Amino acid sequence: MSLSRNWAPAFAGATVILLASCGFQLRGDPAVGLHTIFVPGGGVAQEIRRTLSSGPTRVVSKATDAEVHLRILQEARDKQVHTITGQGRVYEFELRLAVRYDLTAPGREAPVIPPTEAVARRVITYNEAAPSAKEVEEQLLFKDMQVELADRILRQVAVARRDM
């Protein structure tokens, strides 16, 4: 028993060294490489503003103060039947969140990112015995998709910024 206690610190140290040497790094907030950005709207736009608030990029409230404008042109939620049981009852739904956006820079004719669509999907089981619990789970999944799409959009903004 004391032999395993002696090996525990060595094993933990070896794990840390291996993770550090392989380049493992926790994914943090994306650095978009901009000083200021204007992001109007709610939903995914609100999640983008929240994500950027902890980084070096400052989200401004007036379009005239911004280096670039990230516009959410359309945000659509959809829920469709995904699977039906042998008795003809709904077993699973597919949740879909689609966001259409663009990135423009003042004084530049063409958009930095032309209108682009990003889509996230989740499958959720349905239970007739607990509809309110499933509704709460559905809202949590939509929130998770908003976070995913916000991160995906910010990564594309960071790549487009390099090309400006």
N, C-alpha and C. Protein backbone atom coordinates (compact mmCIF):
# COMPACT_ATOMS: atom_id res chain seq x y z
N MET A 1 0.82 -1.18 0.00
CA MET A 1 0.00 0.00 0.00
C MET A 1 0.87 1.25 0.00
N SER A 2 1.95 1.26 0.75
CA SER A 2 2.83 2.43 0.77
C SER A 2 3.58 2.57 -0.55
N LEU A 3 3.77 1.46 -1.26
CA LEU A 3 4.44 1.52 -2.55
C LEU A 3 3.59 2.33 -3.54
N SER A 4 2.26 2.13 -3.53
CA SER A 4 1.39 2.88 -4.45
C SER A 4 1.34 4.36 -4.08
N ARG A 5 1.46 4.68 -2.80
CA ARG A 5 1.50 6.08 -2.39
C ARG A 5 2.78 6.75 -2.87
N ASN A 6 3.85 6.01 -2.93
CA ASN A 6 5.12 6.57 -3.41
C ASN A 6 5.08 6.84 -4.91
N TRP A 7 4.33 6.04 -5.63
CA TRP A 7 4.27 6.20 -7.08
C TRP A 7 3.27 7.26 -7.52
N ALA A 8 2.31 7.61 -6.70
CA ALA A 8 1.27 8.58 -7.08
C ALA A 8 1.85 9.94 -7.47
N PRO A 9 2.75 10.54 -6.68
CA PRO A 9 3.31 11.83 -7.10
C PRO A 9 4.15 11.72 -8.38
N ALA A 10 4.85 10.61 -8.52
CA ALA A 10 5.67 10.43 -9.73
C ALA A 10 4.77 10.30 -10.96
N PHE A 11 3.68 9.56 -10.81
CA PHE A 11 2.74 9.41 -11.92
C PHE A 11 2.10 10.74 -12.29
N ALA A 12 1.69 11.51 -11.30
CA ALA A 12 1.09 12.83 -11.55
C ALA A 12 2.09 13.75 -12.24
N GLY A 13 3.32 13.74 -11.78
CA GLY A 13 4.36 14.57 -12.39
C GLY A 13 4.62 14.17 -13.83
N ALA A 14 4.67 12.87 -14.10
CA ALA A 14 4.89 12.38 -15.46
C ALA A 14 3.74 12.79 -16.38
N THR A 15 2.51 12.74 -15.87
CA THR A 15 1.35 13.13 -16.66
C THR A 15 1.41 14.61 -17.03
N VAL A 16 1.78 15.45 -16.08
CA VAL A 16 1.90 16.88 -16.34
C VAL A 16 2.97 17.15 -17.39
N ILE A 17 4.10 16.48 -17.28
CA ILE A 17 5.20 16.67 -18.24
C ILE A 17 4.78 16.22 -19.63
N LEU A 18 4.09 15.09 -19.72
CA LEU A 18 3.63 14.60 -21.03
C LEU A 18 2.63 15.56 -21.67
N LEU A 19 1.69 16.06 -20.89
CA LEU A 19 0.70 16.99 -21.44
C LEU A 19 1.34 18.30 -21.88
N ALA A 20 2.29 18.78 -21.12
CA ALA A 20 2.97 20.02 -21.47
C ALA A 20 3.83 19.86 -22.72
N SER A 21 4.46 18.71 -22.86
CA SER A 21 5.36 18.52 -23.99
C SER A 21 4.62 18.23 -25.30
N CYS A 22 3.39 17.76 -25.23
CA CYS A 22 2.67 17.44 -26.46
C CYS A 22 1.95 18.65 -27.03
N GLY A 23 1.98 19.79 -26.34
CA GLY A 23 1.33 20.99 -26.84
C GLY A 23 -0.10 21.14 -26.39
N PHE A 24 -0.55 20.30 -25.48
CA PHE A 24 -1.92 20.38 -24.98
C PHE A 24 -2.13 21.73 -24.31
N GLN A 25 -3.24 22.36 -24.65
CA GLN A 25 -3.58 23.64 -24.05
C GLN A 25 -5.10 23.74 -23.99
N LEU A 26 -5.63 24.18 -22.85
CA LEU A 26 -7.06 24.37 -22.76
C LEU A 26 -7.50 25.45 -23.72
N ARG A 27 -8.64 25.24 -24.34
CA ARG A 27 -9.14 26.23 -25.28
C ARG A 27 -9.68 27.41 -24.49
N GLY A 28 -9.14 28.57 -24.73
CA GLY A 28 -9.58 29.78 -24.03
C GLY A 28 -10.45 30.61 -24.94
N ASP A 29 -10.67 31.82 -24.53
CA ASP A 29 -11.44 32.73 -25.37
C ASP A 29 -10.63 33.07 -26.61
N PRO A 30 -11.28 33.11 -27.76
CA PRO A 30 -10.53 33.37 -28.99
C PRO A 30 -10.02 34.80 -29.05
N ALA A 31 -8.79 34.95 -29.46
CA ALA A 31 -8.22 36.28 -29.67
C ALA A 31 -8.48 36.63 -31.13
N VAL A 32 -9.29 37.65 -31.38
CA VAL A 32 -9.66 37.97 -32.75
C VAL A 32 -8.69 38.95 -33.40
N GLY A 33 -7.79 39.53 -32.64
CA GLY A 33 -6.79 40.42 -33.21
C GLY A 33 -7.31 41.80 -33.56
N LEU A 34 -8.38 42.22 -32.93
CA LEU A 34 -8.97 43.53 -33.19
C LEU A 34 -8.95 44.36 -31.92
N HIS A 35 -8.91 45.67 -32.10
CA HIS A 35 -8.98 46.56 -30.93
C HIS A 35 -10.42 46.80 -30.53
N THR A 36 -11.28 47.09 -31.53
CA THR A 36 -12.69 47.38 -31.24
C THR A 36 -13.57 46.66 -32.25
N ILE A 37 -14.78 46.31 -31.80
CA ILE A 37 -15.74 45.64 -32.67
C ILE A 37 -17.14 46.05 -32.23
N PHE A 38 -18.04 46.15 -33.21
CA PHE A 38 -19.44 46.48 -32.95
C PHE A 38 -20.26 45.25 -33.29
N VAL A 39 -21.03 44.74 -32.31
CA VAL A 39 -21.84 43.54 -32.50
C VAL A 39 -23.25 43.81 -31.99
N PRO A 40 -24.17 44.26 -32.87
CA PRO A 40 -25.54 44.53 -32.43
C PRO A 40 -26.37 43.24 -32.37
N GLY A 41 -27.45 43.29 -31.59
CA GLY A 41 -28.40 42.18 -31.59
C GLY A 41 -28.35 41.34 -30.34
N GLY A 42 -29.19 40.30 -30.32
CA GLY A 42 -29.29 39.39 -29.19
C GLY A 42 -28.99 37.97 -29.62
N GLY A 43 -29.22 37.02 -28.73
CA GLY A 43 -28.98 35.61 -29.04
C GLY A 43 -27.50 35.33 -29.18
N VAL A 44 -27.08 34.90 -30.37
CA VAL A 44 -25.67 34.59 -30.63
C VAL A 44 -24.82 35.86 -30.52
N ALA A 45 -25.35 37.00 -30.95
CA ALA A 45 -24.60 38.26 -30.84
C ALA A 45 -24.31 38.58 -29.38
N GLN A 46 -25.27 38.32 -28.52
CA GLN A 46 -25.06 38.56 -27.09
C GLN A 46 -23.98 37.62 -26.54
N GLU A 47 -23.97 36.38 -27.00
CA GLU A 47 -22.96 35.42 -26.57
C GLU A 47 -21.58 35.83 -27.08
N ILE A 48 -21.51 36.39 -28.28
CA ILE A 48 -20.24 36.89 -28.82
C ILE A 48 -19.73 38.04 -27.97
N ARG A 49 -20.60 38.97 -27.62
CA ARG A 49 -20.20 40.09 -26.76
C ARG A 49 -19.70 39.59 -25.40
N ARG A 50 -20.39 38.61 -24.83
CA ARG A 50 -19.98 38.05 -23.54
C ARG A 50 -18.60 37.40 -23.64
N THR A 51 -18.36 36.66 -24.70
CA THR A 51 -17.07 36.00 -24.90
C THR A 51 -15.95 37.03 -25.07
N LEU A 52 -16.21 38.08 -25.84
CA LEU A 52 -15.18 39.09 -26.09
C LEU A 52 -14.92 39.97 -24.87
N SER A 53 -15.86 40.05 -23.96
CA SER A 53 -15.71 40.94 -22.79
C SER A 53 -14.55 40.53 -21.89
N SER A 54 -14.13 39.27 -21.96
CA SER A 54 -13.03 38.82 -21.11
C SER A 54 -11.68 38.87 -21.83
N GLY A 55 -11.66 39.33 -23.06
CA GLY A 55 -10.41 39.38 -23.81
C GLY A 55 -9.95 40.80 -24.09
N PRO A 56 -8.93 40.93 -24.94
CA PRO A 56 -8.38 42.26 -25.23
C PRO A 56 -9.23 43.10 -26.19
N THR A 57 -10.12 42.47 -26.94
CA THR A 57 -10.96 43.21 -27.88
C THR A 57 -12.10 43.89 -27.12
N ARG A 58 -12.27 45.18 -27.40
CA ARG A 58 -13.31 45.96 -26.73
C ARG A 58 -14.55 46.03 -27.62
N VAL A 59 -15.69 45.64 -27.07
CA VAL A 59 -16.96 45.72 -27.78
C VAL A 59 -17.54 47.11 -27.53
N VAL A 60 -17.77 47.85 -28.62
CA VAL A 60 -18.26 49.22 -28.49
C VAL A 60 -19.75 49.27 -28.79
N SER A 61 -20.41 50.30 -28.26
CA SER A 61 -21.85 50.41 -28.41
C SER A 61 -22.26 51.25 -29.62
N LYS A 62 -21.31 51.96 -30.23
CA LYS A 62 -21.62 52.76 -31.41
C LYS A 62 -20.81 52.24 -32.60
N ALA A 63 -21.48 52.09 -33.73
CA ALA A 63 -20.84 51.57 -34.93
C ALA A 63 -19.70 52.47 -35.39
N THR A 64 -19.81 53.77 -35.17
CA THR A 64 -18.78 54.71 -35.64
C THR A 64 -17.46 54.56 -34.87
N ASP A 65 -17.51 53.96 -33.67
CA ASP A 65 -16.31 53.79 -32.85
C ASP A 65 -15.58 52.48 -33.13
N ALA A 66 -16.12 51.65 -34.01
CA ALA A 66 -15.59 50.29 -34.19
C ALA A 66 -14.68 50.17 -35.39
N GLU A 67 -13.71 49.30 -35.24
CA GLU A 67 -12.79 48.95 -36.32
C GLU A 67 -13.51 48.09 -37.36
N VAL A 68 -14.39 47.18 -36.90
CA VAL A 68 -15.19 46.32 -37.77
C VAL A 68 -16.59 46.17 -37.17
N HIS A 69 -17.53 45.74 -38.04
CA HIS A 69 -18.92 45.50 -37.61
C HIS A 69 -19.25 44.04 -37.90
N LEU A 70 -19.58 43.30 -36.86
CA LEU A 70 -20.02 41.91 -37.01
C LEU A 70 -21.53 41.91 -36.86
N ARG A 71 -22.22 41.62 -37.96
CA ARG A 71 -23.68 41.68 -37.94
C ARG A 71 -24.26 40.27 -38.02
N ILE A 72 -25.20 39.98 -37.13
CA ILE A 72 -25.97 38.75 -37.22
C ILE A 72 -27.18 39.09 -38.08
N LEU A 73 -27.19 38.60 -39.30
CA LEU A 73 -28.24 38.94 -40.25
C LEU A 73 -29.52 38.16 -39.99
N GLN A 74 -29.36 36.93 -39.53
CA GLN A 74 -30.53 36.09 -39.28
C GLN A 74 -30.14 35.00 -38.28
N GLU A 75 -31.05 34.71 -37.38
CA GLU A 75 -30.85 33.63 -36.41
C GLU A 75 -32.15 32.84 -36.35
N ALA A 76 -32.10 31.55 -36.69
CA ALA A 76 -33.32 30.75 -36.75
C ALA A 76 -33.16 29.46 -35.94
N ARG A 77 -34.16 29.22 -35.09
CA ARG A 77 -34.23 27.97 -34.32
C ARG A 77 -35.25 27.06 -34.98
N ASP A 78 -34.94 25.77 -35.00
CA ASP A 78 -35.84 24.82 -35.64
C ASP A 78 -35.87 23.54 -34.81
N LYS A 79 -37.02 22.90 -34.79
CA LYS A 79 -37.19 21.63 -34.06
C LYS A 79 -38.00 20.72 -34.96
N GLN A 80 -37.40 19.58 -35.33
CA GLN A 80 -38.08 18.64 -36.21
C GLN A 80 -38.04 17.24 -35.62
N VAL A 81 -39.01 16.44 -35.97
CA VAL A 81 -39.03 15.05 -35.53
C VAL A 81 -37.85 14.34 -36.19
N HIS A 82 -37.08 13.62 -35.39
CA HIS A 82 -35.90 12.92 -35.88
C HIS A 82 -36.14 11.41 -35.95
N THR A 83 -36.79 10.86 -34.90
CA THR A 83 -37.03 9.43 -34.83
C THR A 83 -38.44 9.17 -34.29
N ILE A 84 -39.10 8.18 -34.88
CA ILE A 84 -40.44 7.79 -34.43
C ILE A 84 -40.38 6.33 -34.00
N THR A 85 -41.08 6.00 -32.90
CA THR A 85 -41.10 4.62 -32.42
C THR A 85 -42.00 3.77 -33.32
N GLY A 86 -42.02 2.47 -33.07
CA GLY A 86 -42.87 1.54 -33.82
C GLY A 86 -44.35 1.81 -33.60
N GLN A 87 -44.69 2.43 -32.48
CA GLN A 87 -46.08 2.78 -32.20
C GLN A 87 -46.48 4.13 -32.79
N GLY A 88 -45.57 4.77 -33.51
CA GLY A 88 -45.87 6.05 -34.15
C GLY A 88 -45.70 7.26 -33.24
N ARG A 89 -45.03 7.08 -32.10
CA ARG A 89 -44.78 8.20 -31.19
C ARG A 89 -43.40 8.78 -31.43
N VAL A 90 -43.27 10.06 -31.13
CA VAL A 90 -41.98 10.72 -31.30
C VAL A 90 -41.01 10.20 -30.24
N TYR A 91 -39.83 9.78 -30.69
CA TYR A 91 -38.80 9.32 -29.77
C TYR A 91 -37.68 10.36 -29.63
N GLU A 92 -37.32 11.00 -30.75
CA GLU A 92 -36.25 12.01 -30.73
C GLU A 92 -36.63 13.19 -31.61
N PHE A 93 -36.16 14.36 -31.19
CA PHE A 93 -36.26 15.57 -32.00
C PHE A 93 -34.86 16.02 -32.37
N GLU A 94 -34.73 16.68 -33.52
CA GLU A 94 -33.48 17.33 -33.89
C GLU A 94 -33.67 18.83 -33.71
N LEU A 95 -32.79 19.41 -32.89
CA LEU A 95 -32.79 20.85 -32.69
C LEU A 95 -31.74 21.44 -33.62
N ARG A 96 -32.07 22.56 -34.24
CA ARG A 96 -31.15 23.19 -35.20
C ARG A 96 -31.14 24.69 -34.94
N LEU A 97 -29.94 25.24 -34.88
CA LEU A 97 -29.77 26.68 -34.76
C LEU A 97 -28.91 27.13 -35.93
N ALA A 98 -29.46 27.99 -36.77
CA ALA A 98 -28.75 28.51 -37.94
C ALA A 98 -28.56 30.00 -37.78
N VAL A 99 -27.34 30.46 -38.03
CA VAL A 99 -27.01 31.87 -37.91
C VAL A 99 -26.37 32.32 -39.22
N ARG A 100 -26.87 33.42 -39.74
CA ARG A 100 -26.29 34.04 -40.95
C ARG A 100 -25.67 35.35 -40.50
N TYR A 101 -24.42 35.58 -40.88
CA TYR A 101 -23.68 36.75 -40.39
C TYR A 101 -22.73 37.26 -41.46
N ASP A 102 -22.25 38.48 -41.25
CA ASP A 102 -21.18 39.03 -42.09
C ASP A 102 -20.31 39.95 -41.24
N LEU A 103 -19.15 40.28 -41.78
CA LEU A 103 -18.20 41.17 -41.11
C LEU A 103 -17.81 42.25 -42.11
N THR A 104 -18.04 43.50 -41.72
CA THR A 104 -17.70 44.62 -42.59
C THR A 104 -16.74 45.55 -41.87
N ALA A 105 -15.99 46.28 -42.65
CA ALA A 105 -15.06 47.28 -42.12
C ALA A 105 -15.41 48.63 -42.75
N PRO A 106 -15.53 49.68 -41.94
CA PRO A 106 -15.83 51.00 -42.48
C PRO A 106 -14.77 51.42 -43.51
N GLY A 107 -15.23 52.00 -44.59
CA GLY A 107 -14.32 52.46 -45.63
C GLY A 107 -13.92 51.38 -46.61
N ARG A 108 -14.42 50.22 -46.45
CA ARG A 108 -14.08 49.11 -47.35
C ARG A 108 -15.35 48.69 -48.08
N GLU A 109 -15.27 48.61 -49.41
CA GLU A 109 -16.46 48.29 -50.21
C GLU A 109 -16.97 46.88 -49.97
N ALA A 110 -16.10 45.91 -50.15
CA ALA A 110 -16.50 44.51 -50.01
C ALA A 110 -16.44 44.10 -48.55
N PRO A 111 -17.35 43.24 -48.12
CA PRO A 111 -17.29 42.76 -46.73
C PRO A 111 -16.05 41.91 -46.49
N VAL A 112 -15.52 41.98 -45.30
CA VAL A 112 -14.37 41.16 -44.92
C VAL A 112 -14.78 39.69 -44.93
N ILE A 113 -15.95 39.41 -44.36
CA ILE A 113 -16.57 38.08 -44.45
C ILE A 113 -17.93 38.29 -45.11
N PRO A 114 -18.13 37.75 -46.32
CA PRO A 114 -19.43 37.91 -46.97
C PRO A 114 -20.50 37.16 -46.16
N PRO A 115 -21.79 37.40 -46.43
CA PRO A 115 -22.82 36.69 -45.69
C PRO A 115 -22.57 35.18 -45.69
N THR A 116 -22.46 34.63 -44.49
CA THR A 116 -22.11 33.23 -44.29
C THR A 116 -23.07 32.62 -43.29
N GLU A 117 -23.36 31.33 -43.46
CA GLU A 117 -24.25 30.65 -42.52
C GLU A 117 -23.48 29.61 -41.72
N ALA A 118 -23.75 29.58 -40.42
CA ALA A 118 -23.19 28.57 -39.53
C ALA A 118 -24.37 27.85 -38.88
N VAL A 119 -24.27 26.53 -38.79
CA VAL A 119 -25.38 25.73 -38.27
C VAL A 119 -24.87 24.78 -37.20
N ALA A 120 -25.65 24.65 -36.13
CA ALA A 120 -25.37 23.67 -35.07
C ALA A 120 -26.61 22.82 -34.90
N ARG A 121 -26.39 21.52 -34.64
CA ARG A 121 -27.51 20.58 -34.47
C ARG A 121 -27.30 19.76 -33.21
N ARG A 122 -28.41 19.40 -32.58
CA ARG A 122 -28.41 18.49 -31.43
C ARG A 122 -29.63 17.59 -31.56
N VAL A 123 -29.51 16.35 -31.08
CA VAL A 123 -30.63 15.42 -31.03
C VAL A 123 -31.00 15.25 -29.57
N ILE A 124 -32.30 15.33 -29.29
CA ILE A 124 -32.81 15.22 -27.93
C ILE A 124 -33.92 14.17 -27.91
N THR A 125 -33.86 13.29 -26.92
CA THR A 125 -34.94 12.30 -26.78
C THR A 125 -36.16 12.99 -26.18
N TYR A 126 -37.32 12.42 -26.47
CA TYR A 126 -38.56 12.98 -25.96
C TYR A 126 -39.22 11.98 -25.01
N ASN A 127 -39.79 12.49 -23.92
CA ASN A 127 -40.47 11.65 -22.95
C ASN A 127 -41.80 12.32 -22.62
N GLU A 128 -42.89 11.65 -22.97
CA GLU A 128 -44.22 12.21 -22.72
C GLU A 128 -44.50 12.39 -21.23
N ALA A 129 -43.81 11.62 -20.40
CA ALA A 129 -44.05 11.68 -18.95
C ALA A 129 -43.41 12.91 -18.31
N ALA A 130 -42.43 13.51 -18.96
CA ALA A 130 -41.72 14.67 -18.38
C ALA A 130 -41.55 15.78 -19.41
N PRO A 131 -42.64 16.35 -19.92
CA PRO A 131 -42.49 17.37 -20.96
C PRO A 131 -41.81 18.65 -20.49
N SER A 132 -42.06 19.08 -19.26
CA SER A 132 -41.43 20.32 -18.80
C SER A 132 -39.92 20.13 -18.59
N ALA A 133 -39.50 18.95 -18.14
CA ALA A 133 -38.06 18.68 -17.99
C ALA A 133 -37.38 18.68 -19.36
N LYS A 134 -38.04 18.11 -20.35
CA LYS A 134 -37.48 18.09 -21.70
C LYS A 134 -37.43 19.49 -22.30
N GLU A 135 -38.39 20.34 -21.94
CA GLU A 135 -38.37 21.71 -22.42
C GLU A 135 -37.18 22.47 -21.85
N VAL A 136 -36.88 22.25 -20.58
CA VAL A 136 -35.72 22.88 -19.96
C VAL A 136 -34.44 22.36 -20.62
N GLU A 137 -34.38 21.04 -20.86
CA GLU A 137 -33.21 20.47 -21.53
C GLU A 137 -33.04 21.05 -22.92
N GLU A 138 -34.15 21.26 -23.63
CA GLU A 138 -34.10 21.85 -24.96
C GLU A 138 -33.51 23.25 -24.92
N GLN A 139 -33.93 24.06 -23.95
CA GLN A 139 -33.40 25.42 -23.82
C GLN A 139 -31.90 25.40 -23.52
N LEU A 140 -31.48 24.45 -22.67
CA LEU A 140 -30.04 24.32 -22.37
C LEU A 140 -29.25 23.93 -23.62
N LEU A 141 -29.82 23.05 -24.44
CA LEU A 141 -29.14 22.66 -25.68
C LEU A 141 -29.05 23.83 -26.66
N PHE A 142 -30.11 24.64 -26.75
CA PHE A 142 -30.05 25.82 -27.61
C PHE A 142 -28.98 26.80 -27.11
N LYS A 143 -28.87 26.97 -25.80
CA LYS A 143 -27.84 27.84 -25.23
C LYS A 143 -26.45 27.30 -25.56
N ASP A 144 -26.28 25.99 -25.45
CA ASP A 144 -25.01 25.35 -25.80
C ASP A 144 -24.67 25.57 -27.28
N MET A 145 -25.67 25.50 -28.14
CA MET A 145 -25.44 25.75 -29.57
C MET A 145 -25.07 27.20 -29.82
N GLN A 146 -25.67 28.13 -29.06
CA GLN A 146 -25.30 29.54 -29.20
C GLN A 146 -23.82 29.75 -28.86
N VAL A 147 -23.37 29.12 -27.78
CA VAL A 147 -21.96 29.24 -27.39
C VAL A 147 -21.06 28.64 -28.47
N GLU A 148 -21.44 27.48 -28.99
CA GLU A 148 -20.65 26.84 -30.05
C GLU A 148 -20.55 27.72 -31.29
N LEU A 149 -21.69 28.28 -31.72
CA LEU A 149 -21.67 29.12 -32.92
C LEU A 149 -20.92 30.43 -32.68
N ALA A 150 -21.03 31.00 -31.50
CA ALA A 150 -20.28 32.22 -31.18
C ALA A 150 -18.79 31.94 -31.29
N ASP A 151 -18.34 30.83 -30.73
CA ASP A 151 -16.91 30.49 -30.82
C ASP A 151 -16.49 30.25 -32.27
N ARG A 152 -17.33 29.57 -33.03
CA ARG A 152 -17.01 29.29 -34.42
C ARG A 152 -16.91 30.59 -35.23
N ILE A 153 -17.85 31.50 -35.01
CA ILE A 153 -17.85 32.78 -35.72
C ILE A 153 -16.62 33.60 -35.35
N LEU A 154 -16.27 33.63 -34.07
CA LEU A 154 -15.09 34.40 -33.63
C LEU A 154 -13.80 33.81 -34.18
N ARG A 155 -13.72 32.50 -34.33
CA ARG A 155 -12.53 31.91 -34.96
C ARG A 155 -12.43 32.34 -36.42
N GLN A 156 -13.57 32.42 -37.12
CA GLN A 156 -13.54 32.88 -38.51
C GLN A 156 -13.18 34.36 -38.59
N VAL A 157 -13.65 35.15 -37.65
CA VAL A 157 -13.29 36.58 -37.61
C VAL A 157 -11.78 36.71 -37.42
N ALA A 158 -11.20 35.90 -36.54
CA ALA A 158 -9.76 35.95 -36.31
C ALA A 158 -8.98 35.60 -37.57
N VAL A 159 -9.44 34.62 -38.32
CA VAL A 159 -8.76 34.25 -39.56
C VAL A 159 -8.93 35.36 -40.60
N ALA A 160 -10.13 35.92 -40.71
CA ALA A 160 -10.38 36.99 -41.68
C ALA A 160 -9.59 38.24 -41.34
N ARG A 161 -9.37 38.49 -40.07
CA ARG A 161 -8.61 39.67 -39.63
C ARG A 161 -7.17 39.62 -40.14
N ARG A 162 -6.63 38.43 -40.19
CA ARG A 162 -5.25 38.28 -40.70
C ARG A 162 -5.15 38.66 -42.17
N ASP A 163 -6.27 38.50 -42.90
CA ASP A 163 -6.28 38.79 -44.34
C ASP A 163 -6.62 40.25 -44.65
N MET A 164 -6.95 41.05 -43.63
CA MET A 164 -7.35 42.45 -43.88
C MET A 164 -6.13 43.30 -44.20
